[in-house]
Structure formats: C-alpha cells, structure tokens
C-alpha atoms as a PDB file:
ATOM      1  CA  UNK A   1       9.792  16.669  -8.255  1.00  0.00           C
ATOM      2  CA  UNK A   2      10.330  15.683 -11.592  1.00  0.00           C
ATOM      3  CA  UNK A   3       9.974  17.899 -14.699  1.00  0.00           C
ATOM      4  CA  UNK A   4       7.286  17.144 -17.276  1.00  0.00           C
ATOM      5  CA  UNK A   5       9.252  18.404 -20.116  1.00  0.00           C
ATOM      6  CA  UNK A   6      10.069  16.109 -22.847  1.00  0.00           C
ATOM      7  CA  UNK A   7       9.640  12.236 -22.683  1.00  0.00           C
ATOM      8  CA  UNK A   8       9.850  10.695 -19.754  1.00  0.00           C
ATOM      9  CA  UNK A   9       9.998   6.988 -18.256  1.00  0.00           C
ATOM     10  CA  UNK A  10       8.446   5.401 -15.209  1.00  0.00           C
ATOM     11  CA  UNK A  11       7.738   1.888 -14.163  1.00  0.00           C
ATOM     12  CA  UNK A  12       6.842  -0.404 -11.314  1.00  0.00           C
ATOM     13  CA  UNK A  13       9.386  -3.015 -10.410  1.00  0.00           C
ATOM     14  CA  UNK A  14       9.119  -6.548  -8.485  1.00  0.00           C
ATOM     15  CA  UNK A  15       8.813 -10.356  -8.440  1.00  0.00           C
ATOM     16  CA  UNK A  16       6.543 -11.688  -9.701  1.00  0.00           C
ATOM     17  CA  UNK A  17       4.980  -8.720 -11.251  1.00  0.00           C
ATOM     18  CA  UNK A  18       2.898  -9.905 -14.205  1.00  0.00           C
ATOM     19  CA  UNK A  19      -0.261  -9.087 -11.980  1.00  0.00           C
ATOM     20  CA  UNK A  20       0.556  -5.150 -10.946  1.00  0.00           C
ATOM     21  CA  UNK A  21      -2.088  -2.950 -11.677  1.00  0.00           C
ATOM     22  CA  UNK A  22       0.159  -0.091 -11.442  1.00  0.00           C
ATOM     23  CA  UNK A  23       0.551   0.403 -15.274  1.00  0.00           C
ATOM     24  CA  UNK A  24      -2.812   0.740 -15.753  1.00  0.00           C
ATOM     25  CA  UNK A  25      -3.511   3.298 -13.048  1.00  0.00           C
ATOM     26  CA  UNK A  26      -0.163   5.451 -14.086  1.00  0.00           C
ATOM     27  CA  UNK A  27      -1.048   5.476 -17.658  1.00  0.00           C
ATOM     28  CA  UNK A  28      -4.821   6.579 -17.214  1.00  0.00           C
ATOM     29  CA  UNK A  29      -3.319   9.405 -14.921  1.00  0.00           C
ATOM     30  CA  UNK A  30      -0.844  10.438 -17.887  1.00  0.00           C
ATOM     31  CA  UNK A  31      -3.986  10.519 -20.086  1.00  0.00           C
ATOM     32  CA  UNK A  32      -6.154  12.415 -18.081  1.00  0.00           C
ATOM     33  CA  UNK A  33      -3.521  14.749 -17.498  1.00  0.00           C
ATOM     34  CA  UNK A  34      -2.387  15.313 -21.095  1.00  0.00           C
ATOM     35  CA  UNK A  35       1.086  14.105 -20.812  1.00  0.00           C
ATOM     36  CA  UNK A  36       1.624  12.413 -23.931  1.00  0.00           C
ATOM     37  CA  UNK A  37       5.412  11.797 -23.526  1.00  0.00           C
ATOM     38  CA  UNK A  38       5.236   9.985 -20.760  1.00  0.00           C
ATOM     39  CA  UNK A  39       5.249   6.009 -20.491  1.00  0.00           C
ATOM     40  CA  UNK A  40       5.177   3.620 -17.656  1.00  0.00           C
ATOM     41  CA  UNK A  41       6.095  -0.073 -17.773  1.00  0.00           C
ATOM     42  CA  UNK A  42       6.358  -3.160 -15.560  1.00  0.00           C
ATOM     43  CA  UNK A  43       9.628  -5.085 -15.194  1.00  0.00           C
ATOM     44  CA  UNK A  44      10.341  -8.459 -13.477  1.00  0.00           C
ATOM     45  CA  UNK A  45      13.171  -7.485 -11.215  1.00  0.00           C
ATOM     46  CA  UNK A  46      14.745  -9.199  -7.881  1.00  0.00           C
ATOM     47  CA  UNK A  47      16.961  -8.264  -5.349  1.00  0.00           C
ATOM     48  CA  UNK A  48      19.916  -9.489  -7.001  1.00  0.00           C
ATOM     49  CA  UNK A  49      19.068  -7.423 -10.202  1.00  0.00           C
ATOM     50  CA  UNK A  50      18.007  -4.362  -8.477  1.00  0.00           C
ATOM     51  CA  UNK A  51      21.337  -2.655  -8.439  1.00  0.00           C
ATOM     52  CA  UNK A  52      21.948  -3.349 -11.964  1.00  0.00           C
ATOM     53  CA  UNK A  53      18.796  -2.155 -13.283  1.00  0.00           C
ATOM     54  CA  UNK A  54      18.888   1.499 -11.124  1.00  0.00           C
ATOM     55  CA  UNK A  55      22.226   2.044 -12.193  1.00  0.00           C
ATOM     56  CA  UNK A  56      21.372   1.631 -15.842  1.00  0.00           C
ATOM     57  CA  UNK A  57      18.524   4.165 -15.773  1.00  0.00           C
ATOM     58  CA  UNK A  58      19.452   7.443 -17.895  1.00  0.00           C
ATOM     59  CA  UNK A  59      18.057  11.258 -17.337  1.00  0.00           C
ATOM     60  CA  UNK A  60      14.751  10.378 -19.182  1.00  0.00           C
ATOM     61  CA  UNK A  61      13.649   8.487 -15.824  1.00  0.00           C
ATOM     62  CA  UNK A  62      11.414  10.376 -13.364  1.00  0.00           C
ATOM     63  CA  UNK A  63      10.457   7.322 -10.916  1.00  0.00           C
ATOM     64  CA  UNK A  64       9.889   4.326  -9.831  1.00  0.00           C
ATOM     65  CA  UNK A  65       7.623   2.250  -7.851  1.00  0.00           C
ATOM     66  CA  UNK A  66       8.549  -0.792  -5.961  1.00  0.00           C
ATOM     67  CA  UNK A  67       6.702  -3.559  -4.825  1.00  0.00           C
ATOM     68  CA  UNK A  68       7.873  -7.153  -3.137  1.00  0.00           C
ATOM     69  CA  UNK A  69      10.591  -8.079  -2.728  1.00  0.00           C
ATOM     70  CA  UNK A  70      12.380  -4.734  -3.387  1.00  0.00           C
ATOM     71  CA  UNK A  71      10.888  -2.269  -0.883  1.00  0.00           C
ATOM     72  CA  UNK A  72      13.771  -2.746   1.455  1.00  0.00           C
ATOM     73  CA  UNK A  73      16.460  -3.669  -0.606  1.00  0.00           C
ATOM     74  CA  UNK A  74      16.208  -0.305  -2.821  1.00  0.00           C
ATOM     75  CA  UNK A  75      17.421   1.641   0.475  1.00  0.00           C
ATOM     76  CA  UNK A  76      21.073   1.594   0.050  1.00  0.00           C
ATOM     77  CA  UNK A  77      20.696   2.529  -3.372  1.00  0.00           C
ATOM     78  CA  UNK A  78      19.004   5.928  -2.475  1.00  0.00           C
ATOM     79  CA  UNK A  79      20.302   9.622  -1.640  1.00  0.00           C
ATOM     80  CA  UNK A  80      17.424  10.316   0.634  1.00  0.00           C
ATOM     81  CA  UNK A  81      14.924   8.572   2.168  1.00  0.00           C
ATOM     82  CA  UNK A  82      11.537  10.416   3.887  1.00  0.00           C
ATOM     83  CA  UNK A  83      10.895   9.918   7.150  1.00  0.00           C
ATOM     84  CA  UNK A  84       7.587   8.377   6.093  1.00  0.00           C
ATOM     85  CA  UNK A  85       9.476   5.538   4.350  1.00  0.00           C
ATOM     86  CA  UNK A  86      12.246   5.242   7.265  1.00  0.00           C
ATOM     87  CA  UNK A  87       9.432   4.827   9.775  1.00  0.00           C
ATOM     88  CA  UNK A  88       8.803   1.234   8.318  1.00  0.00           C
ATOM     89  CA  UNK A  89      12.157   0.569   6.050  1.00  0.00           C
ATOM     90  CA  UNK A  90      10.176   0.176   3.210  1.00  0.00           C
ATOM     91  CA  UNK A  91      10.086   2.561   0.199  1.00  0.00           C
ATOM     92  CA  UNK A  92       7.542   1.955  -2.556  1.00  0.00           C
ATOM     93  CA  UNK A  93       8.384   5.095  -4.576  1.00  0.00           C
ATOM     94  CA  UNK A  94      11.509   6.510  -5.928  1.00  0.00           C
ATOM     95  CA  UNK A  95      11.660   9.978  -7.847  1.00  0.00           C
ATOM     96  CA  UNK A  96      14.725  10.869  -9.389  1.00  0.00           C
ATOM     97  CA  UNK A  97      15.042  14.706  -9.294  1.00  0.00           C
ATOM     98  CA  UNK A  98      16.632  17.380 -11.693  1.00  0.00           C
ATOM     99  CA  UNK A  99      20.151  17.055 -10.292  1.00  0.00           C
ATOM    100  CA  UNK A 100      20.290  13.271 -10.604  1.00  0.00           C
ATOM    101  CA  UNK A 101      19.671  12.344  -6.892  1.00  0.00           C
ATOM    102  CA  UNK A 102      17.395   9.230  -6.044  1.00  0.00           C
ATOM    103  CA  UNK A 103      14.596   9.726  -3.342  1.00  0.00           C
ATOM    104  CA  UNK A 104      12.848   7.511  -1.739  1.00  0.00           C
ATOM    105  CA  UNK A 105       9.642   7.737   0.028  1.00  0.00           C
ATOM    106  CA  UNK A 106       6.692   5.302   0.793  1.00  0.00           C
ATOM    107  CA  UNK A 107       2.974   6.314  -0.052  1.00  0.00           C
ATOM    108  CA  UNK A 108       1.269   2.993   1.045  1.00  0.00           C
ATOM    109  CA  UNK A 109       0.889   4.662   4.521  1.00  0.00           C
ATOM    110  CA  UNK A 110      -0.658   8.249   3.657  1.00  0.00           C
ATOM    111  CA  UNK A 111      -2.695   5.882   1.032  1.00  0.00           C
ATOM    112  CA  UNK A 112      -4.231   4.076   3.619  1.00  0.00           C
ATOM    113  CA  UNK A 113      -5.007   7.032   5.543  1.00  0.00           C
ATOM    114  CA  UNK A 114      -6.479   8.355   2.527  1.00  0.00           C
ATOM    115  CA  UNK A 115      -8.668   5.275   1.542  1.00  0.00           C
ATOM    116  CA  UNK A 116     -10.010   5.305   5.040  1.00  0.00           C
ATOM    117  CA  UNK A 117     -10.890   8.980   5.252  1.00  0.00           C
ATOM    118  CA  UNK A 118     -12.744   8.370   1.892  1.00  0.00           C
ATOM    119  CA  UNK A 119     -15.153   6.458   3.816  1.00  0.00           C
ATOM    120  CA  UNK A 120     -15.427   8.578   6.763  1.00  0.00           C
ATOM    121  CA  UNK A 121     -13.020   6.707   9.132  1.00  0.00           C
ATOM    122  CA  UNK A 122     -10.905   9.542  10.188  1.00  0.00           C
ATOM    123  CA  UNK A 123     -10.456   8.525  13.837  1.00  0.00           C
ATOM    124  CA  UNK A 124     -10.393   5.016  15.361  1.00  0.00           C
ATOM    125  CA  UNK A 125     -10.278   4.322  19.583  1.00  0.00           C
ATOM    126  CA  UNK A 126      -8.812   0.789  18.616  1.00  0.00           C
ATOM    127  CA  UNK A 127      -7.987  -1.299  15.942  1.00  0.00           C
ATOM    128  CA  UNK A 128      -6.801  -5.032  14.997  1.00  0.00           C
ATOM    129  CA  UNK A 129      -4.316  -6.056  12.508  1.00  0.00           C
ATOM    130  CA  UNK A 130      -4.800  -9.207  10.977  1.00  0.00           C
ATOM    131  CA  UNK A 131      -1.047 -10.406   9.748  1.00  0.00           C
ATOM    132  CA  UNK A 132       2.647  -9.238  10.395  1.00  0.00           C
ATOM    133  CA  UNK A 133       4.292  -8.922   7.050  1.00  0.00           C
ATOM    134  CA  UNK A 134       5.530  -6.066   5.055  1.00  0.00           C
ATOM    135  CA  UNK A 135       2.098  -4.395   4.546  1.00  0.00           C
ATOM    136  CA  UNK A 136       1.342  -5.018   8.398  1.00  0.00           C
ATOM    137  CA  UNK A 137       3.886  -2.431   9.644  1.00  0.00           C
ATOM    138  CA  UNK A 138       2.586   0.004   6.734  1.00  0.00           C
ATOM    139  CA  UNK A 139      -0.855  -0.397   8.637  1.00  0.00           C
ATOM    140  CA  UNK A 140       0.933   0.245  11.892  1.00  0.00           C
ATOM    141  CA  UNK A 141       2.480   3.415  10.552  1.00  0.00           C
ATOM    142  CA  UNK A 142      -0.940   4.435   9.304  1.00  0.00           C
ATOM    143  CA  UNK A 143      -2.828   3.459  12.665  1.00  0.00           C
ATOM    144  CA  UNK A 144      -0.161   5.437  14.605  1.00  0.00           C
ATOM    145  CA  UNK A 145      -1.709   8.830  13.131  1.00  0.00           C
ATOM    146  CA  UNK A 146      -5.544   7.938  13.360  1.00  0.00           C
ATOM    147  CA  UNK A 147      -5.556   4.967  16.260  1.00  0.00           C
ATOM    148  CA  UNK A 148      -6.109   6.880  19.709  1.00  0.00           C
ATOM    149  CA  UNK A 149      -5.879   3.248  21.771  1.00  0.00           C
ATOM    150  CA  UNK A 150      -4.242   0.137  21.115  1.00  0.00           C
ATOM    151  CA  UNK A 151      -3.892  -1.853  18.130  1.00  0.00           C
ATOM    152  CA  UNK A 152      -3.870  -5.635  18.596  1.00  0.00           C
ATOM    153  CA  UNK A 153      -2.210  -7.853  15.965  1.00  0.00           C
ATOM    154  CA  UNK A 154      -2.703 -11.445  15.066  1.00  0.00           C
ATOM    155  CA  UNK A 155       0.250 -13.056  14.084  1.00  0.00           C
ATOM    156  CA  UNK A 156       1.044 -17.067  13.280  1.00  0.00           C
ATOM    157  CA  UNK A 157       4.522 -16.890  15.067  1.00  0.00           C
ATOM    158  CA  UNK A 158       5.988 -15.307  18.142  1.00  0.00           C
ATOM    159  CA  UNK A 159       9.041 -14.050  16.056  1.00  0.00           C
ATOM    160  CA  UNK A 160       6.676 -11.860  13.974  1.00  0.00           C
ATOM    161  CA  UNK A 161       4.802 -10.895  17.493  1.00  0.00           C
ATOM    162  CA  UNK A 162       8.183  -9.774  18.362  1.00  0.00           C
ATOM    163  CA  UNK A 163       8.593  -7.781  15.330  1.00  0.00           C
ATOM    164  CA  UNK A 164       5.259  -5.722  14.970  1.00  0.00           C
ATOM    165  CA  UNK A 165       5.486  -5.188  18.888  1.00  0.00           C
ATOM    166  CA  UNK A 166       8.870  -3.339  17.874  1.00  0.00           C
ATOM    167  CA  UNK A 167       7.412  -1.569  14.902  1.00  0.00           C
ATOM    168  CA  UNK A 168       4.989  -0.360  17.341  1.00  0.00           C
ATOM    169  CA  UNK A 169       7.444   1.063  19.926  1.00  0.00           C
ATOM    170  CA  UNK A 170       9.371   2.751  16.969  1.00  0.00           C
ATOM    171  CA  UNK A 171       5.836   4.390  15.980  1.00  0.00           C
ATOM    172  CA  UNK A 172       4.734   5.214  19.466  1.00  0.00           C
ATOM    173  CA  UNK A 173       1.830   3.030  19.162  1.00  0.00           C
ATOM    174  CA  UNK A 174       0.826   0.358  22.010  1.00  0.00           C
ATOM    175  CA  UNK A 175       0.843  -3.061  20.261  1.00  0.00           C
ATOM    176  CA  UNK A 176      -0.478  -5.978  21.879  1.00  0.00           C
ATOM    177  CA  UNK A 177      -0.039  -9.562  20.588  1.00  0.00           C
ATOM    178  CA  UNK A 178      -2.248 -12.152  20.184  1.00  0.00           C
ATOM    179  CA  UNK A 179      -2.177 -15.795  18.400  1.00  0.00           C
ATOM    180  CA  UNK A 180      -3.716 -16.392  14.947  1.00  0.00           C
ATOM    181  CA  UNK A 181      -5.886 -19.024  16.697  1.00  0.00           C
ATOM    182  CA  UNK A 182      -7.631 -16.246  18.329  1.00  0.00           C
ATOM    183  CA  UNK A 183      -7.968 -14.151  15.184  1.00  0.00           C
ATOM    184  CA  UNK A 184     -11.876 -14.247  15.349  1.00  0.00           C
ATOM    185  CA  UNK A 185     -11.662 -11.646  17.988  1.00  0.00           C
ATOM    186  CA  UNK A 186     -10.201  -9.195  16.027  1.00  0.00           C
ATOM    187  CA  UNK A 187     -13.586  -8.748  14.238  1.00  0.00           C
ATOM    188  CA  UNK A 188     -15.080  -6.948  17.085  1.00  0.00           C
ATOM    189  CA  UNK A 189     -12.814  -4.139  16.815  1.00  0.00           C
ATOM    190  CA  UNK A 190     -14.072  -0.552  15.557  1.00  0.00           C
ATOM    191  CA  UNK A 191     -11.385  -1.107  12.721  1.00  0.00           C
ATOM    192  CA  UNK A 192      -9.862  -4.214  11.204  1.00  0.00           C
ATOM    193  CA  UNK A 193      -6.831  -4.183   8.792  1.00  0.00           C
ATOM    194  CA  UNK A 194      -6.612  -7.447   6.969  1.00  0.00           C
ATOM    195  CA  UNK A 195      -2.883  -7.823   5.795  1.00  0.00           C
ATOM    196  CA  UNK A 196      -3.121 -11.468   5.003  1.00  0.00           C
ATOM    197  CA  UNK A 197      -2.811 -13.324   1.428  1.00  0.00           C
ATOM    198  CA  UNK A 198      -5.741 -14.569  -0.489  1.00  0.00           C
ATOM    199  CA  UNK A 199      -7.756 -17.223   1.539  1.00  0.00           C
ATOM    200  CA  UNK A 200      -6.062 -16.542   4.826  1.00  0.00           C
ATOM    201  CA  UNK A 201      -9.051 -15.219   6.380  1.00  0.00           C
ATOM    202  CA  UNK A 202     -11.959 -17.016   4.919  1.00  0.00           C
ATOM    203  CA  UNK A 203     -12.300 -19.210   7.779  1.00  0.00           C
ATOM    204  CA  UNK A 204     -13.168 -16.194   9.708  1.00  0.00           C
ATOM    205  CA  UNK A 205     -16.229 -15.196   7.883  1.00  0.00           C
ATOM    206  CA  UNK A 206     -18.790 -17.113  10.534  1.00  0.00           C
ATOM    207  CA  UNK A 207     -17.335 -14.957  13.214  1.00  0.00           C
ATOM    208  CA  UNK A 208     -17.958 -11.770  11.492  1.00  0.00           C
ATOM    209  CA  UNK A 209     -20.492  -9.900  14.433  1.00  0.00           C
ATOM    210  CA  UNK A 210     -24.121  -8.664  13.537  1.00  0.00           C
ATOM    211  CA  UNK A 211     -23.193  -4.772  13.628  1.00  0.00           C
ATOM    212  CA  UNK A 212     -19.535  -5.068  12.150  1.00  0.00           C
ATOM    213  CA  UNK A 213     -17.270  -1.725  12.427  1.00  0.00           C
ATOM    214  CA  UNK A 214     -14.976  -1.063   9.327  1.00  0.00           C
ATOM    215  CA  UNK A 215     -12.984  -3.721   7.297  1.00  0.00           C
ATOM    216  CA  UNK A 216      -9.826  -2.541   5.521  1.00  0.00           C
ATOM    217  CA  UNK A 217      -9.098  -5.669   3.271  1.00  0.00           C
ATOM    218  CA  UNK A 218      -5.697  -4.730   1.291  1.00  0.00           C
ATOM    219  CA  UNK A 219      -6.352  -7.716  -1.224  1.00  0.00           C
ATOM    220  CA  UNK A 220      -7.875  -6.556  -4.566  1.00  0.00           C
ATOM    221  CA  UNK A 221      -7.692  -9.906  -6.412  1.00  0.00           C
ATOM    222  CA  UNK A 222      -9.877 -11.933  -6.003  1.00  0.00           C
ATOM    223  CA  UNK A 223     -12.302  -9.332  -5.070  1.00  0.00           C
ATOM    224  CA  UNK A 224     -14.656  -9.226  -2.858  1.00  0.00           C
ATOM    225  CA  UNK A 225     -12.583 -11.737  -0.433  1.00  0.00           C
ATOM    226  CA  UNK A 226     -15.127 -13.948   1.417  1.00  0.00           C
ATOM    227  CA  UNK A 227     -14.531 -12.037   4.518  1.00  0.00           C
ATOM    228  CA  UNK A 228     -15.350  -8.669   2.761  1.00  0.00           C
ATOM    229  CA  UNK A 229     -18.214 -10.025   1.275  1.00  0.00           C
ATOM    230  CA  UNK A 230     -19.917 -11.231   4.448  1.00  0.00           C
ATOM    231  CA  UNK A 231     -18.764  -8.046   6.354  1.00  0.00           C
ATOM    232  CA  UNK A 232     -20.707  -5.901   3.715  1.00  0.00           C
ATOM    233  CA  UNK A 233     -23.644  -7.904   4.028  1.00  0.00           C
ATOM    234  CA  UNK A 234     -23.944  -7.473   7.367  1.00  0.00           C
ATOM    235  CA  UNK A 235     -23.927  -3.836   7.183  1.00  0.00           C
ATOM    236  CA  UNK A 236     -20.540  -3.004   8.013  1.00  0.00           C
ATOM    237  CA  UNK A 237     -18.048  -0.475   5.999  1.00  0.00           C
ATOM    238  CA  UNK A 238     -15.378  -2.123   3.638  1.00  0.00           C
ATOM    239  CA  UNK A 239     -12.308  -0.660   2.056  1.00  0.00           C
ATOM    240  CA  UNK A 240     -10.589  -2.726  -0.307  1.00  0.00           C
ATOM    241  CA  UNK A 241      -7.219  -3.126  -1.838  1.00  0.00           C
ATOM    242  CA  UNK A 242      -7.894  -1.465  -5.101  1.00  0.00           C
ATOM    243  CA  UNK A 243      -8.852   1.715  -2.649  1.00  0.00           C
ATOM    244  CA  UNK A 244      -5.438   1.676  -1.246  1.00  0.00           C
ATOM    245  CA  UNK A 245      -3.578   0.714  -4.481  1.00  0.00           C
ATOM    246  CA  UNK A 246      -5.245   4.167  -6.318  1.00  0.00           C
ATOM    247  CA  UNK A 247      -4.857   6.168  -3.298  1.00  0.00           C
ATOM    248  CA  UNK A 248      -0.957   5.299  -3.117  1.00  0.00           C
ATOM    249  CA  UNK A 249      -0.570   5.351  -6.867  1.00  0.00           C
ATOM    250  CA  UNK A 250      -2.255   9.508  -6.827  1.00  0.00           C
ATOM    251  CA  UNK A 251       0.755  10.234  -4.309  1.00  0.00           C
ATOM    252  CA  UNK A 252       3.339   8.518  -6.653  1.00  0.00           C
ATOM    253  CA  UNK A 253       1.894  10.400  -9.822  1.00  0.00           C
ATOM    254  CA  UNK A 254       2.066  14.037  -8.228  1.00  0.00           C
ATOM    255  CA  UNK A 255       5.672  13.197  -6.894  1.00  0.00           C
ATOM    256  CA  UNK A 256       6.786  11.822 -10.419  1.00  0.00           C
ATOM    257  CA  UNK A 257       5.060  14.274 -12.431  1.00  0.00           C
ATOM    258  CA  UNK A 258       5.228  17.167 -10.346  1.00  0.00           C
ATOM    259  CA  UNK A 259       1.314  17.752 -11.210  1.00  0.00           C
ATOM    260  CA  UNK A 260      -1.457  18.017  -8.380  1.00  0.00           C
ATOM    261  CA  UNK A 261      -3.869  16.640  -7.620  1.00  0.00           C
ATOM    262  CA  UNK A 262      -3.527  13.580  -9.599  1.00  0.00           C
ATOM    263  CA  UNK A 263      -6.871  12.301 -11.466  1.00  0.00           C
ATOM    264  CA  UNK A 264      -8.085   9.955  -8.797  1.00  0.00           C
ATOM    265  CA  UNK A 265     -11.426   9.065 -10.372  1.00  0.00           C
ATOM    266  CA  UNK A 266     -10.131   7.967 -14.305  1.00  0.00           C
ATOM    267  CA  UNK A 267      -7.466   6.156 -12.159  1.00  0.00           C
ATOM    268  CA  UNK A 268     -10.123   4.147  -9.931  1.00  0.00           C
ATOM    269  CA  UNK A 269     -12.084   3.908 -13.049  1.00  0.00           C
ATOM    270  CA  UNK A 270      -9.185   2.151 -15.173  1.00  0.00           C
ATOM    271  CA  UNK A 271      -8.277  -0.183 -12.305  1.00  0.00           C
ATOM    272  CA  UNK A 272     -11.919  -1.222 -12.009  1.00  0.00           C
ATOM    273  CA  UNK A 273     -12.225  -1.842 -15.737  1.00  0.00           C
ATOM    274  CA  UNK A 274      -8.740  -3.772 -15.795  1.00  0.00           C
ATOM    275  CA  UNK A 275      -9.760  -5.973 -12.604  1.00  0.00           C
ATOM    276  CA  UNK A 276     -13.230  -6.822 -14.392  1.00  0.00           C
ATOM    277  CA  UNK A 277     -11.580  -7.938 -17.737  1.00  0.00           C
ATOM    278  CA  UNK A 278      -9.339 -10.293 -15.904  1.00  0.00           C
END
C-alpha cells in the first residue's frame, strides 16, 4: 500500500478516456478522507504509449487505474500481479509500493461481487452472461465465486465462445455456450450479467419474463438501458454499471491510499451527480 505522506498522484489511463468517471469518484474519496495533497487525473494513453508513460512516473505517484485497451498491455510492465488479476489476464489497478515496485490487481471482480451483495445477491444456482469481451471474463471470475451451477454465455462467434469456455475451465466453472440468436433465453436465468455495448440488448426487452430475477447491466451511460428499465418495471432487481464502477473504485482507493474503508456513499453521490449533469 502507498504512503499518504506528502503530495501524491494517481490517474486513470485508457483510450478513449474523456468519458471516464474515475476522476470524479477518486477525488470525492480524497476529499472525504481529508487527503488534501492528493490529485487524480485522466490521460489518453494507448498500448504503444503505455511503456513510456509508466517509465516516466516519479516517486510521487501512488497508483494507476487502467481501462481499455490497457488491462492486458500493462501486465509485462509490472513486478507482481495478484492471483485475481492473473485469473483473467486483466489488470485494472496498479499500486506503486514504497520500495518502487509495481503491483497489479483486478478490482472489477470483487467489485462485481460487492455490488451484487449490496442488492442481496450472495449466491446463484445458475447464471447467464450476455457478451464475451473483457468484462465478460471478469463476470465469469465473479460468478466462479457465487454461482453454484452452470453459467451460459451468449456469444456472436464460435471463437469468442471457445474463449469463454476456456476461461471457465481455468476458473473451475462450467460454462455452456449459446448463440446470440438465442439470447432471449438468457433472461430466464436467476442472475443475468449483461456485458455488451450500448444498444446491444435493446432488442431483448419484449422477452423479459413477468417475474424476472436479477439483472446486472455493466453500462452506466446511457442509464437506465432499455433492458434495465423494462426489467425494473416488471419487479426484477437491477444492478447497474455505476454500482460496479463505485465498488471497484472503493477498492482502488483503499489500495492506493492505505485508508480503509473508503467512503462509498460520497463516491456514489459524486458519480450520480456527474452523470446527471451530462
């Protein structure tokens, strides 16, 4: 963990990055914790620019948040990677230790679990995942800890399906693959995690069952998504992308500052206000 003595810097890196809410959340945490000397910025960085940026950081830096497309590209630049991050080959958090080491972790996975737990979801007998990108692999890792039965992944290509099945084998979770054309079937699972881009699930709204289970839609803008809106109207529990963003950021703040617990409520409020102002 980083020291809180003296001015410290942190930032989120990615491309594109202008939309990121991370600065809003982390700055709200610093204010609530009284860390007046701390700053948190955003930098437009792609895979080619990443090594040079990291090498140029000085001892005032406490940590980095990584978003796409850098979650895998950062790994060769690190001294240590947590078991959680290694399980999905994705790092979204780097902490610079007092002796200059770079330690990578993935807070998306425990963040997903915490967001579900906040809504009363501790376990699921089975689950469905919509999509097969980087967030879907984190969803599988989270489900490997809370789902007692099979996970069905609805994908658009055989290659993505094979990749998801491979993640399942590594994580010790039975993953069944279904074609995206059958995605309406997913909505009958007790827990559905949608990891698709904006608009991808809009066509599924007519298939939401009368008594749906829990939907975790990882998008936060636009919000609510069409699927989340119909799901809530029919009485189903909905967990949103802001819930995930806040919970994973809480864990990042704790690792980077060494302060625990991080201030969840002020961070969530700051995120809600920022989204409302857009």
